[in-house]
Amino acid sequence: MAGADEQKDNTDSIIADIQKRITEAFDMFDHESNKTVDVREVGTIIRSLGCCPSEAELHDMLNMIEEEEPTGYIRFEKFLPMMTKVLMERRYKPVPEDQLLRAFQVLDAEGKGYLSQEELTKYMTEEGEPFNQEELEEMLSAAVDPDKGSIQYKEYVSIMSLEET
């Protein structure tokens, strides 16, 4: 049964590595070093770990780990097992680069190779799952080419595509 033991050791090693990454990400937002983070930071922590859940999926995740009486904080002891399971199951993977590029090309009906800030703002606030003002400002700060004042989406897509970890 050496093979089974080896496989278990490998799985344990993967879990240990994942839990180390989760702990490091959580600790960055645990400003009071008391093993809690503000519930509003959880989405950022999850996305920093390479998961891209929708707002509805994020809300479901928060419901699983929130206290019975909401405190506005999430405890590490509840976050770690949930996030370990999510990462082990490879849920909420980011959209591949080619799919992102095709989406921008659909929005760029004229085939210019870029979108104006106004166009992107309109699409991101009026279509699908709308961005809030903070999300929009964060996206625009990363997406807008400072020299051209527009979103050169081929460059932006390659920047925002997350590499497999």
Protein backbone atom coordinates (compact mmCIF):
# COMPACT_ATOMS: atom_id res chain seq x y z
CA MET A 1 0.00 0.00 0.00
CA ALA A 2 2.96 2.34 -0.49
CA GLY A 3 1.09 4.03 -3.35
CA ALA A 4 -1.90 4.92 -1.18
CA ASP A 5 0.36 6.33 1.56
CA GLU A 6 2.27 8.35 -1.02
CA GLN A 7 -0.96 9.73 -2.47
CA LYS A 8 -2.21 10.65 1.03
CA ASP A 9 1.10 12.42 1.78
CA ASN A 10 0.80 14.33 -1.51
CA THR A 11 -2.81 15.34 -0.73
CA ASP A 12 -1.79 16.41 2.79
CA SER A 13 1.02 18.48 1.29
CA ILE A 14 -1.36 20.17 -1.17
CA ILE A 15 -3.83 20.93 1.64
CA ALA A 16 -1.03 22.32 3.83
CA ASP A 17 0.13 24.57 0.97
CA ILE A 18 -3.43 25.79 0.29
CA GLN A 19 -4.05 26.47 3.98
CA LYS A 20 -0.77 28.40 4.19
CA ARG A 21 -1.89 30.61 1.25
CA ILE A 22 -5.33 31.13 2.84
CA THR A 23 -3.76 32.04 6.19
CA GLU A 24 -1.37 34.54 4.60
CA ALA A 25 -4.19 36.18 2.61
CA PHE A 26 -6.47 36.34 5.66
CA ASP A 27 -3.72 37.71 7.90
CA MET A 28 -3.13 40.63 5.51
CA PHE A 29 -6.65 41.86 6.31
CA ASP A 30 -6.66 40.89 10.00
CA HIS A 31 -5.70 44.41 11.05
CA GLU A 32 -6.20 43.76 14.76
CA SER A 33 -4.43 40.36 14.71
CA ASN A 34 -7.40 38.73 16.40
CA LYS A 35 -8.19 36.13 13.72
CA THR A 36 -11.12 38.13 12.33
CA VAL A 37 -11.60 40.28 9.23
CA ASP A 38 -14.25 42.77 8.22
CA VAL A 39 -16.95 40.96 6.24
CA ARG A 40 -16.52 43.57 3.46
CA GLU A 41 -12.91 42.40 2.92
CA VAL A 42 -13.77 38.73 2.37
CA GLY A 43 -14.44 39.14 -1.38
CA THR A 44 -11.02 40.72 -1.83
CA ILE A 45 -9.36 37.89 0.13
CA ILE A 46 -11.16 35.24 -1.92
CA ARG A 47 -10.24 36.94 -5.22
CA SER A 48 -6.60 37.27 -4.12
CA LEU A 49 -6.59 33.47 -3.87
CA GLY A 50 -7.51 33.17 -7.56
CA CYS A 51 -11.24 32.58 -7.10
CA CYS A 52 -13.73 34.73 -8.95
CA PRO A 53 -17.21 34.08 -7.55
CA SER A 54 -20.14 36.21 -8.67
CA GLU A 55 -21.68 38.55 -6.09
CA ALA A 56 -24.47 35.98 -5.51
CA GLU A 57 -21.92 33.17 -5.01
CA LEU A 58 -19.90 35.40 -2.65
CA HIS A 59 -23.07 36.16 -0.70
CA ASP A 60 -23.77 32.41 -0.38
CA MET A 61 -20.20 31.82 0.84
CA LEU A 62 -20.58 34.57 3.45
CA ASN A 63 -23.87 33.07 4.65
CA MET A 64 -22.06 29.77 5.28
CA ILE A 65 -19.37 31.33 7.47
CA GLU A 66 -21.11 34.28 9.13
CA GLU A 67 -22.03 34.12 12.79
CA GLU A 68 -25.67 33.35 13.66
CA GLU A 69 -25.90 36.93 14.90
CA PRO A 70 -24.02 38.93 12.22
CA THR A 71 -21.16 40.93 13.77
CA GLY A 72 -19.69 42.43 10.61
CA TYR A 73 -16.64 40.20 11.05
CA ILE A 74 -15.66 36.78 9.78
CA ARG A 75 -13.61 34.46 11.99
CA PHE A 76 -10.60 32.64 10.57
CA GLU A 77 -11.71 29.31 12.08
CA LYS A 78 -14.85 29.41 9.89
CA PHE A 79 -13.15 30.90 6.82
CA LEU A 80 -10.29 28.37 6.60
CA PRO A 81 -12.30 25.13 6.15
CA MET A 82 -14.73 26.74 3.67
CA MET A 83 -11.93 28.28 1.59
CA THR A 84 -9.82 25.09 1.72
CA LYS A 85 -12.77 23.15 0.26
CA VAL A 86 -13.35 25.80 -2.44
CA LEU A 87 -9.69 25.74 -3.51
CA MET A 88 -9.41 21.94 -3.39
CA GLU A 89 -12.49 21.67 -5.62
CA ARG A 90 -11.08 24.39 -7.91
CA ARG A 91 -14.36 26.32 -7.80
CA TYR A 92 -14.87 29.85 -9.15
CA LYS A 93 -11.90 29.74 -11.53
CA PRO A 94 -11.23 32.94 -13.45
CA VAL A 95 -12.47 33.27 -17.00
CA PRO A 96 -9.78 32.34 -19.57
CA GLU A 97 -8.00 35.17 -21.38
CA ASP A 98 -9.43 34.32 -24.82
CA GLN A 99 -12.99 34.45 -23.44
CA LEU A 100 -12.34 37.87 -21.85
CA LEU A 101 -10.90 39.14 -25.11
CA ARG A 102 -13.96 37.92 -27.06
CA ALA A 103 -16.25 39.70 -24.57
CA PHE A 104 -14.40 43.00 -25.08
CA GLN A 105 -14.51 42.49 -28.86
CA VAL A 106 -18.30 42.11 -28.69
CA LEU A 107 -18.52 45.40 -26.79
CA ASP A 108 -16.22 47.05 -29.35
CA ALA A 109 -18.76 46.82 -32.20
CA GLU A 110 -16.64 49.08 -34.44
CA GLY A 111 -13.49 46.95 -33.99
CA LYS A 112 -11.37 49.91 -32.83
CA GLY A 113 -9.29 47.81 -30.42
CA TYR A 114 -10.24 50.00 -27.47
CA LEU A 115 -13.22 51.22 -25.45
CA SER A 116 -13.70 54.72 -24.08
CA GLN A 117 -14.09 55.18 -20.34
CA GLU A 118 -17.69 56.23 -20.98
CA GLU A 119 -18.45 53.05 -22.96
CA LEU A 120 -16.93 50.77 -20.32
CA THR A 121 -18.70 52.66 -17.52
CA LYS A 122 -22.04 52.24 -19.33
CA TYR A 123 -21.52 48.50 -19.88
CA MET A 124 -20.27 47.83 -16.36
CA THR A 125 -23.06 49.72 -14.58
CA GLU A 126 -26.08 49.03 -16.80
CA GLU A 127 -25.64 45.45 -18.03
CA GLY A 128 -25.61 42.05 -16.30
CA GLU A 129 -24.46 42.14 -12.68
CA PRO A 130 -23.72 45.88 -12.36
CA PHE A 131 -20.55 47.14 -10.72
CA ASN A 132 -20.92 49.50 -7.78
CA GLN A 133 -19.03 52.83 -7.82
CA GLU A 134 -16.04 51.48 -5.86
CA GLU A 135 -15.66 48.44 -8.14
CA LEU A 136 -15.98 50.65 -11.22
CA GLU A 137 -13.32 53.10 -10.00
CA GLU A 138 -10.98 50.21 -9.16
CA MET A 139 -11.45 48.69 -12.62
CA LEU A 140 -11.00 52.01 -14.44
CA SER A 141 -7.83 52.81 -12.46
CA ALA A 142 -6.32 49.55 -13.68
CA ALA A 143 -7.85 49.47 -17.18
CA VAL A 144 -7.44 53.00 -18.54
CA ASP A 145 -4.24 53.66 -20.48
CA PRO A 146 -3.01 56.93 -18.92
CA ASP A 147 -1.45 58.13 -22.19
CA LYS A 148 -4.47 57.44 -24.40
CA GLY A 149 -7.31 57.91 -21.87
CA SER A 150 -9.06 54.79 -23.14
CA ILE A 151 -9.10 51.05 -22.40
CA GLN A 152 -6.75 49.22 -24.75
CA TYR A 153 -8.48 45.97 -23.96
CA LYS A 154 -5.99 43.51 -25.49
CA GLU A 155 -3.32 44.79 -23.10
CA TYR A 156 -5.77 45.00 -20.21
CA VAL A 157 -7.00 41.43 -20.70
CA SER A 158 -3.48 40.04 -20.56
CA ILE A 159 -2.81 42.02 -17.36
CA MET A 160 -6.00 40.95 -15.63
CA SER A 161 -5.84 37.27 -16.63
CA LEU A 162 -4.79 35.25 -13.66
CA GLU A 163 -2.22 32.54 -14.20
CA GLU A 164 -3.04 29.03 -12.99
CA THR A 165 -1.42 28.42 -9.62
